[in-house]
Amino acid sequence: MTEETRLGVGQTVYDADGTKLGVVRGFDEDGFFVTTRDGIAALSVEHERAGHEFGEAELVWRCSQCGAVGDIDEMPDECPDCGAPREELYYWTED
């Protein structure tokens, strides 16, 4: 029998040997992706664009179902536009 595990943004994930892989940053149709740095700074524009020259951007949440975005400091339990659960929201840099 297998046990189902639900992943969420901000959750630490480990491989089968117990080695930390990183913290869940978001989801897409292929699965989830992680950041390997600690804290919210790991999800910052500076981390995301390190080594590149770009204009200003800000870190927001984004809904994978409808594309709605919002202030990262006010991440809701569900998308206010379409009602998708928090698992469908992920960190996003917006220009």
PDB file of N, CA and C in Angstrom:
ATOM      1  N   MET A   1       0.840  -1.174   0.000  1.00  0.00           N
ATOM      2  CA  MET A   1       0.000   0.000   0.000  1.00  0.00           C
ATOM      3  C   MET A   1       0.887   1.240   0.000  1.00  0.00           C
ATOM      4  N   THR A   2       0.534   2.240  -0.801  1.00  0.00           N
ATOM      5  CA  THR A   2       1.310   3.472  -0.848  1.00  0.00           C
ATOM      6  C   THR A   2       0.552   4.576  -0.130  1.00  0.00           C
ATOM      7  N   GLU A   3       1.322   5.470   0.447  1.00  0.00           N
ATOM      8  CA  GLU A   3       0.729   6.602   1.147  1.00  0.00           C
ATOM      9  C   GLU A   3       0.836   7.829   0.255  1.00  0.00           C
ATOM     10  N   GLU A   4      -0.263   8.551   0.086  1.00  0.00           N
ATOM     11  CA  GLU A   4      -0.271   9.751  -0.736  1.00  0.00           C
ATOM     12  C   GLU A   4       0.224  10.929   0.084  1.00  0.00           C
ATOM     13  N   THR A   5       1.144  11.693  -0.494  1.00  0.00           N
ATOM     14  CA  THR A   5       1.674  12.877   0.157  1.00  0.00           C
ATOM     15  C   THR A   5       1.334  14.087  -0.691  1.00  0.00           C
ATOM     16  N   ARG A   6       0.796  15.124  -0.069  1.00  0.00           N
ATOM     17  CA  ARG A   6       0.461  16.350  -0.783  1.00  0.00           C
ATOM     18  C   ARG A   6       1.561  17.364  -0.536  1.00  0.00           C
ATOM     19  N   LEU A   7       2.088  17.923  -1.603  1.00  0.00           N
ATOM     20  CA  LEU A   7       3.126  18.931  -1.504  1.00  0.00           C
ATOM     21  C   LEU A   7       2.526  20.316  -1.568  1.00  0.00           C
ATOM     22  N   GLY A   8       3.177  21.262  -0.928  1.00  0.00           N
ATOM     23  CA  GLY A   8       2.745  22.646  -0.971  1.00  0.00           C
ATOM     24  C   GLY A   8       3.938  23.575  -1.093  1.00  0.00           C
ATOM     25  N   VAL A   9       3.690  24.782  -1.547  1.00  0.00           N
ATOM     26  CA  VAL A   9       4.734  25.788  -1.659  1.00  0.00           C
ATOM     27  C   VAL A   9       5.342  26.018  -0.285  1.00  0.00           C
ATOM     28  N   GLY A  10       6.656  26.059  -0.226  1.00  0.00           N
ATOM     29  CA  GLY A  10       7.363  26.283   1.028  1.00  0.00           C
ATOM     30  C   GLY A  10       7.726  25.016   1.772  1.00  0.00           C
ATOM     31  N   GLN A  11       7.275  23.859   1.296  1.00  0.00           N
ATOM     32  CA  GLN A  11       7.548  22.580   1.958  1.00  0.00           C
ATOM     33  C   GLN A  11       8.922  22.056   1.528  1.00  0.00           C
ATOM     34  N   THR A  12       9.697  21.551   2.483  1.00  0.00           N
ATOM     35  CA  THR A  12      10.996  20.953   2.186  1.00  0.00           C
ATOM     36  C   THR A  12      10.793  19.548   1.653  1.00  0.00           C
ATOM     37  N   VAL A  13      11.537  19.196   0.593  1.00  0.00           N
ATOM     38  CA  VAL A  13      11.436  17.860   0.008  1.00  0.00           C
ATOM     39  C   VAL A  13      12.797  17.170   0.065  1.00  0.00           C
ATOM     40  N   TYR A  14      12.760  15.841   0.193  1.00  0.00           N
ATOM     41  CA  TYR A  14      13.952  15.015   0.334  1.00  0.00           C
ATOM     42  C   TYR A  14      13.909  13.879  -0.676  1.00  0.00           C
ATOM     43  N   ASP A  15      15.089  13.366  -1.052  1.00  0.00           N
ATOM     44  CA  ASP A  15      15.119  12.206  -1.927  1.00  0.00           C
ATOM     45  C   ASP A  15      14.935  10.939  -1.103  1.00  0.00           C
ATOM     46  N   ALA A  16      14.961   9.784  -1.747  1.00  0.00           N
ATOM     47  CA  ALA A  16      14.709   8.507  -1.067  1.00  0.00           C
ATOM     48  C   ALA A  16      15.741   8.203   0.015  1.00  0.00           C
ATOM     49  N   ASP A  17      16.938   8.808  -0.080  1.00  0.00           N
ATOM     50  CA  ASP A  17      17.985   8.595   0.920  1.00  0.00           C
ATOM     51  C   ASP A  17      17.916   9.591   2.065  1.00  0.00           C
ATOM     52  N   GLY A  18      16.965  10.514   2.010  1.00  0.00           N
ATOM     53  CA  GLY A  18      16.827  11.505   3.066  1.00  0.00           C
ATOM     54  C   GLY A  18      17.643  12.767   2.857  1.00  0.00           C
ATOM     55  N   THR A  19      18.241  12.908   1.680  1.00  0.00           N
ATOM     56  CA  THR A  19      19.013  14.108   1.369  1.00  0.00           C
ATOM     57  C   THR A  19      18.054  15.226   0.964  1.00  0.00           C
ATOM     58  N   LYS A  20      18.242  16.398   1.572  1.00  0.00           N
ATOM     59  CA  LYS A  20      17.378  17.535   1.257  1.00  0.00           C
ATOM     60  C   LYS A  20      17.594  17.973  -0.185  1.00  0.00           C
ATOM     61  N   LEU A  21      16.505  18.050  -0.949  1.00  0.00           N
ATOM     62  CA  LEU A  21      16.561  18.511  -2.332  1.00  0.00           C
ATOM     63  C   LEU A  21      16.369  20.014  -2.417  1.00  0.00           C
ATOM     64  N   GLY A  22      15.507  20.551  -1.576  1.00  0.00           N
ATOM     65  CA  GLY A  22      15.209  21.976  -1.584  1.00  0.00           C
ATOM     66  C   GLY A  22      13.818  22.223  -1.052  1.00  0.00           C
ATOM     67  N   VAL A  23      13.337  23.432  -1.289  1.00  0.00           N
ATOM     68  CA  VAL A  23      12.017  23.863  -0.831  1.00  0.00           C
ATOM     69  C   VAL A  23      11.139  24.073  -2.060  1.00  0.00           C
ATOM     70  N   VAL A  24       9.918  23.539  -2.027  1.00  0.00           N
ATOM     71  CA  VAL A  24       8.997  23.654  -3.157  1.00  0.00           C
ATOM     72  C   VAL A  24       8.736  25.127  -3.437  1.00  0.00           C
ATOM     73  N   ARG A  25       8.983  25.511  -4.663  1.00  0.00           N
ATOM     74  CA  ARG A  25       8.796  26.895  -5.092  1.00  0.00           C
ATOM     75  C   ARG A  25       7.528  27.062  -5.917  1.00  0.00           C
ATOM     76  N   GLY A  26       7.130  26.012  -6.621  1.00  0.00           N
ATOM     77  CA  GLY A  26       5.946  26.108  -7.456  1.00  0.00           C
ATOM     78  C   GLY A  26       5.683  24.810  -8.188  1.00  0.00           C
ATOM     79  N   PHE A  27       4.622  24.819  -8.970  1.00  0.00           N
ATOM     80  CA  PHE A  27       4.185  23.639  -9.692  1.00  0.00           C
ATOM     81  C   PHE A  27       3.886  24.015 -11.136  1.00  0.00           C
ATOM     82  N   ASP A  28       4.014  23.055 -12.015  1.00  0.00           N
ATOM     83  CA  ASP A  28       3.541  23.221 -13.389  1.00  0.00           C
ATOM     84  C   ASP A  28       3.027  21.875 -13.872  1.00  0.00           C
ATOM     85  N   GLU A  29       2.702  21.764 -15.151  1.00  0.00           N
ATOM     86  CA  GLU A  29       2.109  20.531 -15.665  1.00  0.00           C
ATOM     87  C   GLU A  29       3.050  19.330 -15.596  1.00  0.00           C
ATOM     88  N   ASP A  30       4.347  19.578 -15.435  1.00  0.00           N
ATOM     89  CA  ASP A  30       5.318  18.492 -15.362  1.00  0.00           C
ATOM     90  C   ASP A  30       5.643  18.059 -13.940  1.00  0.00           C
ATOM     91  N   GLY A  31       5.204  18.797 -12.960  1.00  0.00           N
ATOM     92  CA  GLY A  31       5.491  18.459 -11.566  1.00  0.00           C
ATOM     93  C   GLY A  31       5.754  19.693 -10.739  1.00  0.00           C
ATOM     94  N   PHE A  32       6.786  19.624  -9.874  1.00  0.00           N
ATOM     95  CA  PHE A  32       7.113  20.764  -9.024  1.00  0.00           C
ATOM     96  C   PHE A  32       8.571  21.141  -9.212  1.00  0.00           C
ATOM     97  N   PHE A  33       8.913  22.360  -8.798  1.00  0.00           N
ATOM     98  CA  PHE A  33      10.294  22.784  -8.840  1.00  0.00           C
ATOM     99  C   PHE A  33      10.661  23.367  -7.492  1.00  0.00           C
ATOM    100  N   VAL A  34      11.952  23.298  -7.172  1.00  0.00           N
ATOM    101  CA  VAL A  34      12.422  23.696  -5.851  1.00  0.00           C
ATOM    102  C   VAL A  34      13.502  24.758  -5.954  1.00  0.00           C
ATOM    103  N   THR A  35      13.715  25.450  -4.855  1.00  0.00           N
ATOM    104  CA  THR A  35      14.859  26.321  -4.697  1.00  0.00           C
ATOM    105  C   THR A  35      15.787  25.646  -3.705  1.00  0.00           C
ATOM    106  N   THR A  36      17.076  25.806  -3.898  1.00  0.00           N
ATOM    107  CA  THR A  36      18.036  25.147  -3.014  1.00  0.00           C
ATOM    108  C   THR A  36      18.610  26.100  -1.977  1.00  0.00           C
ATOM    109  N   ARG A  37      18.162  27.348  -1.971  1.00  0.00           N
ATOM    110  CA  ARG A  37      18.604  28.308  -0.963  1.00  0.00           C
ATOM    111  C   ARG A  37      17.518  28.452   0.098  1.00  0.00           C
ATOM    112  N   ASP A  38      17.911  28.902   1.277  1.00  0.00           N
ATOM    113  CA  ASP A  38      16.962  29.010   2.386  1.00  0.00           C
ATOM    114  C   ASP A  38      16.229  30.347   2.396  1.00  0.00           C
ATOM    115  N   GLY A  39      14.999  30.316   2.876  1.00  0.00           N
ATOM    116  CA  GLY A  39      14.231  31.521   3.128  1.00  0.00           C
ATOM    117  C   GLY A  39      13.618  32.148   1.898  1.00  0.00           C
ATOM    118  N   ILE A  40      12.830  33.190   2.143  1.00  0.00           N
ATOM    119  CA  ILE A  40      12.134  33.901   1.070  1.00  0.00           C
ATOM    120  C   ILE A  40      13.138  34.579   0.145  1.00  0.00           C
ATOM    121  N   ALA A  41      14.335  34.910   0.641  1.00  0.00           N
ATOM    122  CA  ALA A  41      15.355  35.519  -0.210  1.00  0.00           C
ATOM    123  C   ALA A  41      15.723  34.594  -1.364  1.00  0.00           C
ATOM    124  N   ALA A  42      15.583  33.285  -1.166  1.00  0.00           N
ATOM    125  CA  ALA A  42      15.888  32.327  -2.221  1.00  0.00           C
ATOM    126  C   ALA A  42      14.920  32.454  -3.382  1.00  0.00           C
ATOM    127  N   LEU A  43      13.791  33.076  -3.147  1.00  0.00           N
ATOM    128  CA  LEU A  43      12.786  33.236  -4.184  1.00  0.00           C
ATOM    129  C   LEU A  43      12.792  34.651  -4.736  1.00  0.00           C
ATOM    130  N   SER A  44      13.807  35.420  -4.380  1.00  0.00           N
ATOM    131  CA  SER A  44      13.859  36.824  -4.756  1.00  0.00           C
ATOM    132  C   SER A  44      14.259  37.003  -6.212  1.00  0.00           C
ATOM    133  N   VAL A  45      14.045  38.185  -6.700  1.00  0.00           N
ATOM    134  CA  VAL A  45      14.437  38.536  -8.053  1.00  0.00           C
ATOM    135  C   VAL A  45      15.947  38.418  -8.202  1.00  0.00           C
ATOM    136  N   GLU A  46      16.702  38.818  -7.167  1.00  0.00           N
ATOM    137  CA  GLU A  46      18.156  38.752  -7.239  1.00  0.00           C
ATOM    138  C   GLU A  46      18.620  37.313  -7.442  1.00  0.00           C
ATOM    139  N   HIS A  47      18.036  36.372  -6.724  1.00  0.00           N
ATOM    140  CA  HIS A  47      18.399  34.961  -6.869  1.00  0.00           C
ATOM    141  C   HIS A  47      17.978  34.452  -8.247  1.00  0.00           C
ATOM    142  N   GLU A  48      16.804  34.782  -8.646  1.00  0.00           N
ATOM    143  CA  GLU A  48      16.248  34.290  -9.909  1.00  0.00           C
ATOM    144  C   GLU A  48      17.040  34.801 -11.107  1.00  0.00           C
ATOM    145  N   ARG A  49      17.574  35.998 -11.008  1.00  0.00           N
ATOM    146  CA  ARG A  49      18.233  36.619 -12.156  1.00  0.00           C
ATOM    147  C   ARG A  49      19.714  36.851 -11.928  1.00  0.00           C
ATOM    148  N   ALA A  50      20.300  36.162 -10.977  1.00  0.00           N
ATOM    149  CA  ALA A  50      21.715  36.349 -10.658  1.00  0.00           C
ATOM    150  C   ALA A  50      22.573  36.209 -11.916  1.00  0.00           C
ATOM    151  N   GLY A  51      23.470  37.174 -12.093  1.00  0.00           N
ATOM    152  CA  GLY A  51      24.376  37.127 -13.241  1.00  0.00           C
ATOM    153  C   GLY A  51      23.802  37.703 -14.511  1.00  0.00           C
ATOM    154  N   HIS A  52      22.609  38.253 -14.456  1.00  0.00           N
ATOM    155  CA  HIS A  52      21.965  38.807 -15.639  1.00  0.00           C
ATOM    156  C   HIS A  52      21.560  40.255 -15.369  1.00  0.00           C
ATOM    157  N   GLU A  53      21.576  41.071 -16.389  1.00  0.00           N
ATOM    158  CA  GLU A  53      21.148  42.457 -16.269  1.00  0.00           C
ATOM    159  C   GLU A  53      19.731  42.583 -16.826  1.00  0.00           C
ATOM    160  N   PHE A  54      18.786  42.870 -15.961  1.00  0.00           N
ATOM    161  CA  PHE A  54      17.388  43.028 -16.347  1.00  0.00           C
ATOM    162  C   PHE A  54      16.828  44.257 -15.663  1.00  0.00           C
ATOM    163  N   GLY A  55      15.650  44.654 -16.056  1.00  0.00           N
ATOM    164  CA  GLY A  55      14.956  45.740 -15.384  1.00  0.00           C
ATOM    165  C   GLY A  55      14.437  45.271 -14.036  1.00  0.00           C
ATOM    166  N   GLU A  56      13.728  46.151 -13.362  1.00  0.00           N
ATOM    167  CA  GLU A  56      13.190  45.814 -12.053  1.00  0.00           C
ATOM    168  C   GLU A  56      12.034  44.824 -12.170  1.00  0.00           C
ATOM    169  N   ALA A  57      11.876  44.025 -11.138  1.00  0.00           N
ATOM    170  CA  ALA A  57      10.766  43.071 -11.068  1.00  0.00           C
ATOM    171  C   ALA A  57      10.411  42.896  -9.598  1.00  0.00           C
ATOM    172  N   GLU A  58       9.248  42.353  -9.333  1.00  0.00           N
ATOM    173  CA  GLU A  58       8.882  42.093  -7.954  1.00  0.00           C
ATOM    174  C   GLU A  58       8.378  40.660  -7.811  1.00  0.00           C
ATOM    175  N   LEU A  59       8.571  40.133  -6.618  1.00  0.00           N
ATOM    176  CA  LEU A  59       8.152  38.771  -6.316  1.00  0.00           C
ATOM    177  C   LEU A  59       6.679  38.785  -5.934  1.00  0.00           C
ATOM    178  N   VAL A  60       5.864  37.967  -6.608  1.00  0.00           N
ATOM    179  CA  VAL A  60       4.422  37.867  -6.364  1.00  0.00           C
ATOM    180  C   VAL A  60       4.035  36.398  -6.338  1.00  0.00           C
ATOM    181  N   TRP A  61       2.790  36.101  -6.002  1.00  0.00           N
ATOM    182  CA  TRP A  61       2.280  34.740  -6.185  1.00  0.00           C
ATOM    183  C   TRP A  61       1.502  34.743  -7.493  1.00  0.00           C
ATOM    184  N   ARG A  62       1.401  33.566  -8.115  1.00  0.00           N
ATOM    185  CA  ARG A  62       0.652  33.433  -9.366  1.00  0.00           C
ATOM    186  C   ARG A  62      -0.127  32.127  -9.338  1.00  0.00           C
ATOM    187  N   CYS A  63      -1.332  32.145  -9.875  1.00  0.00           N
ATOM    188  CA  CYS A  63      -2.185  30.958  -9.932  1.00  0.00           C
ATOM    189  C   CYS A  63      -1.894  30.185 -11.215  1.00  0.00           C
ATOM    190  N   SER A  64      -1.612  28.891 -11.071  1.00  0.00           N
ATOM    191  CA  SER A  64      -1.317  28.067 -12.250  1.00  0.00           C
ATOM    192  C   SER A  64      -2.571  27.754 -13.058  1.00  0.00           C
ATOM    193  N   GLN A  65      -3.746  27.976 -12.485  1.00  0.00           N
ATOM    194  CA  GLN A  65      -4.991  27.686 -13.188  1.00  0.00           C
ATOM    195  C   GLN A  65      -5.474  28.848 -14.052  1.00  0.00           C
ATOM    196  N   CYS A  66      -5.471  30.077 -13.490  1.00  0.00           N
ATOM    197  CA  CYS A  66      -6.041  31.205 -14.240  1.00  0.00           C
ATOM    198  C   CYS A  66      -5.051  32.329 -14.510  1.00  0.00           C
ATOM    199  N   GLY A  67      -3.855  32.272 -13.900  1.00  0.00           N
ATOM    200  CA  GLY A  67      -2.849  33.294 -14.136  1.00  0.00           C
ATOM    201  C   GLY A  67      -2.945  34.521 -13.251  1.00  0.00           C
ATOM    202  N   ALA A  68      -3.899  34.549 -12.319  1.00  0.00           N
ATOM    203  CA  ALA A  68      -4.024  35.685 -11.409  1.00  0.00           C
ATOM    204  C   ALA A  68      -2.740  35.842 -10.610  1.00  0.00           C
ATOM    205  N   VAL A  69      -2.401  37.076 -10.256  1.00  0.00           N
ATOM    206  CA  VAL A  69      -1.222  37.355  -9.441  1.00  0.00           C
ATOM    207  C   VAL A  69      -1.626  38.221  -8.257  1.00  0.00           C
ATOM    208  N   GLY A  70      -0.791  38.191  -7.203  1.00  0.00           N
ATOM    209  CA  GLY A  70      -1.063  39.004  -6.030  1.00  0.00           C
ATOM    210  C   GLY A  70       0.186  39.218  -5.208  1.00  0.00           C
ATOM    211  N   ASP A  71       0.077  40.077  -4.222  1.00  0.00           N
ATOM    212  CA  ASP A  71       1.174  40.437  -3.326  1.00  0.00           C
ATOM    213  C   ASP A  71       1.646  39.216  -2.546  1.00  0.00           C
ATOM    214  N   ILE A  72       2.941  38.955  -2.561  1.00  0.00           N
ATOM    215  CA  ILE A  72       3.506  37.776  -1.902  1.00  0.00           C
ATOM    216  C   ILE A  72       3.278  37.814  -0.396  1.00  0.00           C
ATOM    217  N   ASP A  73       3.181  39.001   0.184  1.00  0.00           N
ATOM    218  CA  ASP A  73       2.941  39.124   1.621  1.00  0.00           C
ATOM    219  C   ASP A  73       1.507  38.789   2.000  1.00  0.00           C
ATOM    220  N   GLU A  74       0.636  38.664   1.014  1.00  0.00           N
ATOM    221  CA  GLU A  74      -0.773  38.361   1.249  1.00  0.00           C
ATOM    222  C   GLU A  74      -1.195  37.125   0.464  1.00  0.00           C
ATOM    223  N   MET A  75      -0.371  36.067   0.504  1.00  0.00           N
ATOM    224  CA  MET A  75      -0.672  34.840  -0.244  1.00  0.00           C
ATOM    225  C   MET A  75      -1.936  34.202   0.353  1.00  0.00           C
ATOM    226  N   PRO A  76      -2.978  34.059  -0.453  1.00  0.00           N
ATOM    227  CA  PRO A  76      -4.254  33.529   0.057  1.00  0.00           C
ATOM    228  C   PRO A  76      -4.275  32.004   0.162  1.00  0.00           C
ATOM    229  N   ASP A  77      -5.280  31.473   0.846  1.00  0.00           N
ATOM    230  CA  ASP A  77      -5.453  30.023   0.958  1.00  0.00           C
ATOM    231  C   ASP A  77      -5.991  29.424  -0.334  1.00  0.00           C
ATOM    232  N   GLU A  78      -6.585  30.270  -1.179  1.00  0.00           N
ATOM    233  CA  GLU A  78      -7.062  29.844  -2.503  1.00  0.00           C
ATOM    234  C   GLU A  78      -7.028  31.055  -3.416  1.00  0.00           C
ATOM    235  N   CYS A  79      -7.051  30.808  -4.722  1.00  0.00           N
ATOM    236  CA  CYS A  79      -7.029  31.905  -5.683  1.00  0.00           C
ATOM    237  C   CYS A  79      -8.330  32.695  -5.564  1.00  0.00           C
ATOM    238  N   PRO A  80      -8.242  34.004  -5.341  1.00  0.00           N
ATOM    239  CA  PRO A  80      -9.458  34.802  -5.230  1.00  0.00           C
ATOM    240  C   PRO A  80     -10.222  34.934  -6.544  1.00  0.00           C
ATOM    241  N   ASP A  81      -9.567  34.683  -7.676  1.00  0.00           N
ATOM    242  CA  ASP A  81     -10.233  34.804  -8.970  1.00  0.00           C
ATOM    243  C   ASP A  81     -10.960  33.536  -9.405  1.00  0.00           C
ATOM    244  N   CYS A  82     -10.314  32.365  -9.203  1.00  0.00           N
ATOM    245  CA  CYS A  82     -10.930  31.130  -9.720  1.00  0.00           C
ATOM    246  C   CYS A  82     -11.194  30.080  -8.640  1.00  0.00           C
ATOM    247  N   GLY A  83     -10.733  30.322  -7.402  1.00  0.00           N
ATOM    248  CA  GLY A  83     -10.993  29.374  -6.316  1.00  0.00           C
ATOM    249  C   GLY A  83     -10.036  28.190  -6.263  1.00  0.00           C
ATOM    250  N   ALA A  84      -8.990  28.188  -7.098  1.00  0.00           N
ATOM    251  CA  ALA A  84      -8.016  27.089  -7.074  1.00  0.00           C
ATOM    252  C   ALA A  84      -7.356  27.032  -5.695  1.00  0.00           C
ATOM    253  N   PRO A  85      -7.065  25.830  -5.190  1.00  0.00           N
ATOM    254  CA  PRO A  85      -6.457  25.709  -3.859  1.00  0.00           C
ATOM    255  C   PRO A  85      -5.033  26.270  -3.830  1.00  0.00           C
ATOM    256  N   ARG A  86      -4.541  26.532  -2.628  1.00  0.00           N
ATOM    257  CA  ARG A  86      -3.208  27.122  -2.450  1.00  0.00           C
ATOM    258  C   ARG A  86      -2.114  26.322  -3.152  1.00  0.00           C
ATOM    259  N   GLU A  87      -2.273  25.015  -3.284  1.00  0.00           N
ATOM    260  CA  GLU A  87      -1.278  24.188  -3.963  1.00  0.00           C
ATOM    261  C   GLU A  87      -1.070  24.614  -5.407  1.00  0.00           C
ATOM    262  N   GLU A  88      -2.040  25.330  -5.965  1.00  0.00           N
ATOM    263  CA  GLU A  88      -1.949  25.796  -7.353  1.00  0.00           C
ATOM    264  C   GLU A  88      -1.292  27.177  -7.458  1.00  0.00           C
ATOM    265  N   LEU A  89      -0.937  27.780  -6.320  1.00  0.00           N
ATOM    266  CA  LEU A  89      -0.285  29.090  -6.308  1.00  0.00           C
ATOM    267  C   LEU A  89       1.212  28.894  -6.143  1.00  0.00           C
ATOM    268  N   TYR A  90       1.996  29.692  -6.836  1.00  0.00           N
ATOM    269  CA  TYR A  90       3.448  29.561  -6.748  1.00  0.00           C
ATOM    270  C   TYR A  90       4.096  30.938  -6.830  1.00  0.00           C
ATOM    271  N   TYR A  91       5.358  31.011  -6.401  1.00  0.00           N
ATOM    272  CA  TYR A  91       6.109  32.255  -6.441  1.00  0.00           C
ATOM    273  C   TYR A  91       6.476  32.585  -7.875  1.00  0.00           C
ATOM    274  N   TRP A  92       6.417  33.888  -8.210  1.00  0.00           N
ATOM    275  CA  TRP A  92       6.609  34.326  -9.586  1.00  0.00           C
ATOM    276  C   TRP A  92       7.255  35.715  -9.571  1.00  0.00           C
ATOM    277  N   THR A  93       8.169  35.986 -10.497  1.00  0.00           N
ATOM    278  CA  THR A  93       8.708  37.326 -10.627  1.00  0.00           C
ATOM    279  C   THR A  93       7.966  38.027 -11.744  1.00  0.00           C
ATOM    280  N   GLU A  94       7.472  39.211 -11.425  1.00  0.00           N
ATOM    281  CA  GLU A  94       6.655  39.990 -12.355  1.00  0.00           C
ATOM    282  C   GLU A  94       7.385  41.269 -12.691  1.00  0.00           C
ATOM    283  N   ASP A  95       7.536  41.567 -13.995  1.00  0.00           N
ATOM    284  CA  ASP A  95       8.198  42.821 -14.416  1.00  0.00           C
ATOM    285  C   ASP A  95       7.280  43.988 -14.242  1.00  0.00           C
TER     286      ASP A  95
END
